Amino acid sequence: MVLNVSDIMSVYKKTGGIIDDAGASASPAGGQSFGSMVKGFLGDGIASLHEGEKAATSAVSGKADLASVVTAMDNAEVVLNEITAIRDKVLAAYKDITSTAI
């Protein structure tokens, strides 16, 4: 999963800020819940990890070139690192919330 500018703009629009084509204005987006956003992100992440696995198995069988395998594996590693960082932030936030005195 290689990101380009249009992918980043699409994700930004989906997660709360809407940018016009010039990139000048932002307004809140309505409609998509946080849960569905996380579910979509995790679905994309899992798909990227599966692409890395497929590339690795095709490389073992000699059906893929080295550059595409390395690219797929690097993308899978980046996604895994992002998912791990998000998990760590969510757990830290949960810990802060649960330790807060009422």
N, C-alpha and C. Protein backbone atom coordinates (compact mmCIF):
# COMPACT_ATOMS: atom_id res chain seq x y z
N MET A 1 0.84 -1.17 0.00
CA MET A 1 0.00 0.00 0.00
C MET A 1 0.89 1.23 0.00
N VAL A 2 1.10 1.82 -1.12
CA VAL A 2 1.89 3.03 -1.25
C VAL A 2 0.93 4.21 -1.25
N LEU A 3 1.19 5.18 -0.38
CA LEU A 3 0.31 6.33 -0.27
C LEU A 3 0.78 7.44 -1.19
N ASN A 4 -0.18 8.09 -1.80
CA ASN A 4 0.12 9.28 -2.55
C ASN A 4 -0.72 10.42 -2.00
N VAL A 5 -0.61 11.59 -2.57
CA VAL A 5 -1.29 12.77 -2.04
C VAL A 5 -2.80 12.61 -2.08
N SER A 6 -3.34 12.03 -3.13
CA SER A 6 -4.79 11.87 -3.20
C SER A 6 -5.31 10.91 -2.14
N ASP A 7 -4.54 9.87 -1.81
CA ASP A 7 -4.93 8.97 -0.72
C ASP A 7 -4.94 9.70 0.61
N ILE A 8 -3.94 10.52 0.83
CA ILE A 8 -3.87 11.27 2.09
C ILE A 8 -5.02 12.26 2.20
N MET A 9 -5.34 12.94 1.11
CA MET A 9 -6.47 13.87 1.12
C MET A 9 -7.77 13.13 1.38
N SER A 10 -7.92 11.96 0.81
CA SER A 10 -9.13 11.17 1.02
C SER A 10 -9.28 10.77 2.48
N VAL A 11 -8.18 10.32 3.08
CA VAL A 11 -8.22 9.94 4.50
C VAL A 11 -8.52 11.16 5.36
N TYR A 12 -7.94 12.30 5.03
CA TYR A 12 -8.19 13.51 5.81
C TYR A 12 -9.66 13.90 5.73
N LYS A 13 -10.24 13.80 4.55
CA LYS A 13 -11.66 14.12 4.41
C LYS A 13 -12.53 13.17 5.22
N LYS A 14 -12.15 11.90 5.25
CA LYS A 14 -12.95 10.92 5.98
C LYS A 14 -12.84 11.07 7.48
N THR A 15 -11.72 11.61 7.98
CA THR A 15 -11.49 11.63 9.42
C THR A 15 -11.86 12.94 10.08
N GLY A 16 -12.45 13.87 9.38
CA GLY A 16 -12.93 15.03 10.10
C GLY A 16 -12.71 16.37 9.44
N GLY A 17 -11.74 16.52 8.61
CA GLY A 17 -11.52 17.78 7.96
C GLY A 17 -11.78 17.65 6.48
N ILE A 18 -12.55 18.55 5.95
CA ILE A 18 -12.83 18.50 4.51
C ILE A 18 -12.05 19.62 3.86
N ILE A 19 -11.27 19.27 2.88
CA ILE A 19 -10.45 20.23 2.17
C ILE A 19 -10.99 20.37 0.76
N ASP A 20 -11.09 21.61 0.31
CA ASP A 20 -11.46 21.78 -1.09
C ASP A 20 -10.25 21.51 -1.96
N ASP A 21 -10.39 21.61 -3.25
CA ASP A 21 -9.29 21.29 -4.15
C ASP A 21 -8.08 22.18 -3.95
N ALA A 22 -8.30 23.41 -3.50
CA ALA A 22 -7.18 24.31 -3.27
C ALA A 22 -6.50 24.03 -1.94
N GLY A 23 -7.19 23.31 -1.04
CA GLY A 23 -6.59 22.99 0.25
C GLY A 23 -6.67 24.12 1.25
N ALA A 24 -7.57 25.09 1.04
CA ALA A 24 -7.57 26.27 1.87
C ALA A 24 -8.50 26.18 3.07
N SER A 25 -9.65 25.53 2.94
CA SER A 25 -10.61 25.56 4.03
C SER A 25 -10.85 24.18 4.60
N ALA A 26 -11.20 24.16 5.86
CA ALA A 26 -11.52 22.91 6.53
C ALA A 26 -12.79 23.09 7.32
N SER A 27 -13.66 22.10 7.29
CA SER A 27 -14.88 22.12 8.08
C SER A 27 -15.14 20.72 8.59
N PRO A 28 -15.87 20.59 9.68
CA PRO A 28 -16.10 19.26 10.24
C PRO A 28 -16.95 18.40 9.32
N ALA A 29 -16.64 17.14 9.28
CA ALA A 29 -17.40 16.21 8.46
C ALA A 29 -18.41 15.51 9.34
N GLY A 30 -19.51 15.16 8.79
CA GLY A 30 -20.52 14.44 9.54
C GLY A 30 -20.82 13.13 8.85
N GLY A 31 -21.24 12.16 9.62
CA GLY A 31 -21.68 10.93 9.01
C GLY A 31 -20.91 9.71 9.43
N GLN A 32 -19.62 9.73 9.39
CA GLN A 32 -18.85 8.53 9.70
C GLN A 32 -18.49 8.53 11.18
N SER A 33 -18.78 7.43 11.84
CA SER A 33 -18.47 7.34 13.26
C SER A 33 -17.01 6.95 13.46
N PHE A 34 -16.53 7.16 14.66
CA PHE A 34 -15.16 6.82 14.99
C PHE A 34 -14.92 5.32 14.85
N GLY A 35 -15.89 4.54 15.28
CA GLY A 35 -15.78 3.09 15.19
C GLY A 35 -15.65 2.60 13.77
N SER A 36 -16.45 3.17 12.86
CA SER A 36 -16.36 2.74 11.47
C SER A 36 -15.07 3.21 10.83
N MET A 37 -14.55 4.36 11.26
CA MET A 37 -13.27 4.83 10.75
C MET A 37 -12.15 3.88 11.17
N VAL A 38 -12.15 3.49 12.44
CA VAL A 38 -11.13 2.57 12.93
C VAL A 38 -11.25 1.22 12.24
N LYS A 39 -12.49 0.75 12.07
CA LYS A 39 -12.70 -0.53 11.40
C LYS A 39 -12.18 -0.48 9.96
N GLY A 40 -12.41 0.62 9.27
CA GLY A 40 -11.90 0.77 7.90
C GLY A 40 -10.38 0.81 7.86
N PHE A 41 -9.79 1.53 8.81
CA PHE A 41 -8.33 1.61 8.88
C PHE A 41 -7.72 0.24 9.15
N LEU A 42 -8.31 -0.49 10.09
CA LEU A 42 -7.78 -1.81 10.39
C LEU A 42 -7.98 -2.77 9.22
N GLY A 43 -9.10 -2.64 8.51
CA GLY A 43 -9.32 -3.47 7.32
C GLY A 43 -8.26 -3.20 6.26
N ASP A 44 -7.94 -1.92 6.04
CA ASP A 44 -6.89 -1.58 5.08
C ASP A 44 -5.53 -2.10 5.55
N GLY A 45 -5.30 -2.03 6.85
CA GLY A 45 -4.03 -2.53 7.39
C GLY A 45 -3.88 -4.02 7.22
N ILE A 46 -4.95 -4.75 7.48
CA ILE A 46 -4.92 -6.20 7.31
C ILE A 46 -4.72 -6.57 5.85
N ALA A 47 -5.37 -5.82 4.97
CA ALA A 47 -5.18 -6.08 3.54
C ALA A 47 -3.73 -5.85 3.13
N SER A 48 -3.11 -4.81 3.67
CA SER A 48 -1.71 -4.54 3.36
C SER A 48 -0.80 -5.64 3.88
N LEU A 49 -1.10 -6.16 5.07
CA LEU A 49 -0.30 -7.26 5.61
C LEU A 49 -0.46 -8.52 4.76
N HIS A 50 -1.68 -8.76 4.27
CA HIS A 50 -1.90 -9.91 3.39
C HIS A 50 -1.15 -9.76 2.06
N GLU A 51 -1.11 -8.53 1.54
CA GLU A 51 -0.36 -8.28 0.30
C GLU A 51 1.13 -8.59 0.52
N GLY A 52 1.66 -8.21 1.67
CA GLY A 52 3.06 -8.52 1.99
C GLY A 52 3.30 -10.01 2.07
N GLU A 53 2.35 -10.74 2.67
CA GLU A 53 2.49 -12.20 2.75
C GLU A 53 2.43 -12.84 1.37
N LYS A 54 1.52 -12.36 0.54
CA LYS A 54 1.41 -12.91 -0.83
C LYS A 54 2.68 -12.65 -1.62
N ALA A 55 3.23 -11.45 -1.46
CA ALA A 55 4.47 -11.12 -2.18
C ALA A 55 5.61 -12.02 -1.71
N ALA A 56 5.67 -12.27 -0.41
CA ALA A 56 6.74 -13.13 0.11
C ALA A 56 6.60 -14.56 -0.39
N THR A 57 5.39 -15.08 -0.42
CA THR A 57 5.20 -16.45 -0.91
C THR A 57 5.45 -16.55 -2.41
N SER A 58 5.09 -15.50 -3.16
CA SER A 58 5.38 -15.55 -4.59
C SER A 58 6.87 -15.40 -4.86
N ALA A 59 7.60 -14.71 -3.97
CA ALA A 59 9.05 -14.61 -4.13
C ALA A 59 9.72 -15.95 -3.86
N VAL A 60 9.20 -16.67 -2.88
CA VAL A 60 9.77 -17.98 -2.56
C VAL A 60 9.59 -18.94 -3.73
N SER A 61 8.44 -18.83 -4.40
CA SER A 61 8.18 -19.71 -5.54
C SER A 61 8.82 -19.18 -6.83
N GLY A 62 9.44 -18.00 -6.76
CA GLY A 62 10.13 -17.45 -7.93
C GLY A 62 9.24 -16.72 -8.90
N LYS A 63 8.04 -16.31 -8.48
CA LYS A 63 7.09 -15.66 -9.38
C LYS A 63 7.09 -14.14 -9.26
N ALA A 64 7.86 -13.58 -8.36
CA ALA A 64 7.86 -12.13 -8.16
C ALA A 64 9.29 -11.61 -8.18
N ASP A 65 9.41 -10.35 -8.61
CA ASP A 65 10.75 -9.75 -8.60
C ASP A 65 11.05 -9.19 -7.21
N LEU A 66 12.30 -9.00 -6.94
CA LEU A 66 12.76 -8.60 -5.62
C LEU A 66 12.25 -7.22 -5.23
N ALA A 67 12.18 -6.29 -6.17
CA ALA A 67 11.74 -4.93 -5.85
C ALA A 67 10.30 -4.90 -5.36
N SER A 68 9.41 -5.64 -6.01
CA SER A 68 8.02 -5.64 -5.58
C SER A 68 7.85 -6.32 -4.23
N VAL A 69 8.66 -7.33 -3.96
CA VAL A 69 8.60 -8.02 -2.67
C VAL A 69 9.06 -7.09 -1.56
N VAL A 70 10.16 -6.40 -1.78
CA VAL A 70 10.70 -5.49 -0.77
C VAL A 70 9.71 -4.35 -0.52
N THR A 71 9.10 -3.82 -1.58
CA THR A 71 8.12 -2.75 -1.43
C THR A 71 6.91 -3.22 -0.64
N ALA A 72 6.40 -4.38 -0.95
CA ALA A 72 5.23 -4.92 -0.24
C ALA A 72 5.56 -5.18 1.23
N MET A 73 6.73 -5.72 1.49
CA MET A 73 7.11 -6.00 2.87
C MET A 73 7.35 -4.71 3.66
N ASP A 74 7.94 -3.70 3.02
CA ASP A 74 8.13 -2.41 3.69
C ASP A 74 6.79 -1.77 4.02
N ASN A 75 5.85 -1.82 3.08
CA ASN A 75 4.52 -1.26 3.34
C ASN A 75 3.83 -2.01 4.48
N ALA A 76 3.96 -3.31 4.51
CA ALA A 76 3.36 -4.10 5.59
C ALA A 76 3.99 -3.74 6.93
N GLU A 77 5.29 -3.52 6.94
CA GLU A 77 5.97 -3.15 8.18
C GLU A 77 5.52 -1.78 8.68
N VAL A 78 5.36 -0.82 7.76
CA VAL A 78 4.89 0.51 8.14
C VAL A 78 3.49 0.43 8.73
N VAL A 79 2.62 -0.33 8.09
CA VAL A 79 1.24 -0.47 8.58
C VAL A 79 1.23 -1.13 9.95
N LEU A 80 2.03 -2.16 10.14
CA LEU A 80 2.09 -2.83 11.43
C LEU A 80 2.59 -1.89 12.52
N ASN A 81 3.57 -1.07 12.20
CA ASN A 81 4.07 -0.08 13.16
C ASN A 81 3.01 0.95 13.50
N GLU A 82 2.22 1.38 12.50
CA GLU A 82 1.14 2.34 12.74
C GLU A 82 0.07 1.73 13.63
N ILE A 83 -0.31 0.51 13.35
CA ILE A 83 -1.34 -0.15 14.16
C ILE A 83 -0.86 -0.33 15.59
N THR A 84 0.39 -0.70 15.76
CA THR A 84 0.95 -0.86 17.10
C THR A 84 0.98 0.47 17.85
N ALA A 85 1.36 1.54 17.17
CA ALA A 85 1.40 2.86 17.81
C ALA A 85 0.00 3.31 18.21
N ILE A 86 -0.98 3.07 17.36
CA ILE A 86 -2.36 3.44 17.69
C ILE A 86 -2.85 2.62 18.88
N ARG A 87 -2.55 1.33 18.88
CA ARG A 87 -2.94 0.49 20.02
C ARG A 87 -2.34 1.00 21.31
N ASP A 88 -1.06 1.37 21.27
CA ASP A 88 -0.39 1.87 22.47
C ASP A 88 -1.03 3.16 22.97
N LYS A 89 -1.40 4.05 22.05
CA LYS A 89 -2.05 5.31 22.43
C LYS A 89 -3.43 5.06 23.03
N VAL A 90 -4.18 4.13 22.45
CA VAL A 90 -5.51 3.81 22.98
C VAL A 90 -5.39 3.22 24.38
N LEU A 91 -4.44 2.31 24.57
CA LEU A 91 -4.26 1.72 25.89
C LEU A 91 -3.81 2.76 26.92
N ALA A 92 -2.94 3.67 26.53
CA ALA A 92 -2.50 4.72 27.44
C ALA A 92 -3.66 5.64 27.80
N ALA A 93 -4.50 5.96 26.82
CA ALA A 93 -5.67 6.80 27.10
C ALA A 93 -6.64 6.08 28.02
N TYR A 94 -6.85 4.81 27.80
CA TYR A 94 -7.73 4.03 28.67
C TYR A 94 -7.19 3.99 30.10
N LYS A 95 -5.88 3.81 30.21
CA LYS A 95 -5.27 3.78 31.54
C LYS A 95 -5.44 5.11 32.25
N ASP A 96 -5.28 6.22 31.52
CA ASP A 96 -5.48 7.55 32.10
C ASP A 96 -6.92 7.74 32.55
N ILE A 97 -7.85 7.30 31.72
CA ILE A 97 -9.27 7.46 32.06
C ILE A 97 -9.64 6.65 33.28
N THR A 98 -9.15 5.41 33.34
CA THR A 98 -9.51 4.56 34.47
C THR A 98 -8.83 4.98 35.77
N SER A 99 -7.72 5.68 35.69
CA SER A 99 -7.03 6.12 36.91
C SER A 99 -7.52 7.49 37.39
N THR A 100 -8.38 8.13 36.62
CA THR A 100 -8.90 9.43 37.00
C THR A 100 -9.90 9.30 38.15
N ALA A 101 -9.72 10.11 39.17
CA ALA A 101 -10.63 10.09 40.31
C ALA A 101 -11.94 10.76 39.94
N ILE A 102 -13.01 10.18 40.46
CA ILE A 102 -14.34 10.73 40.15
C ILE A 102 -14.77 11.66 41.25
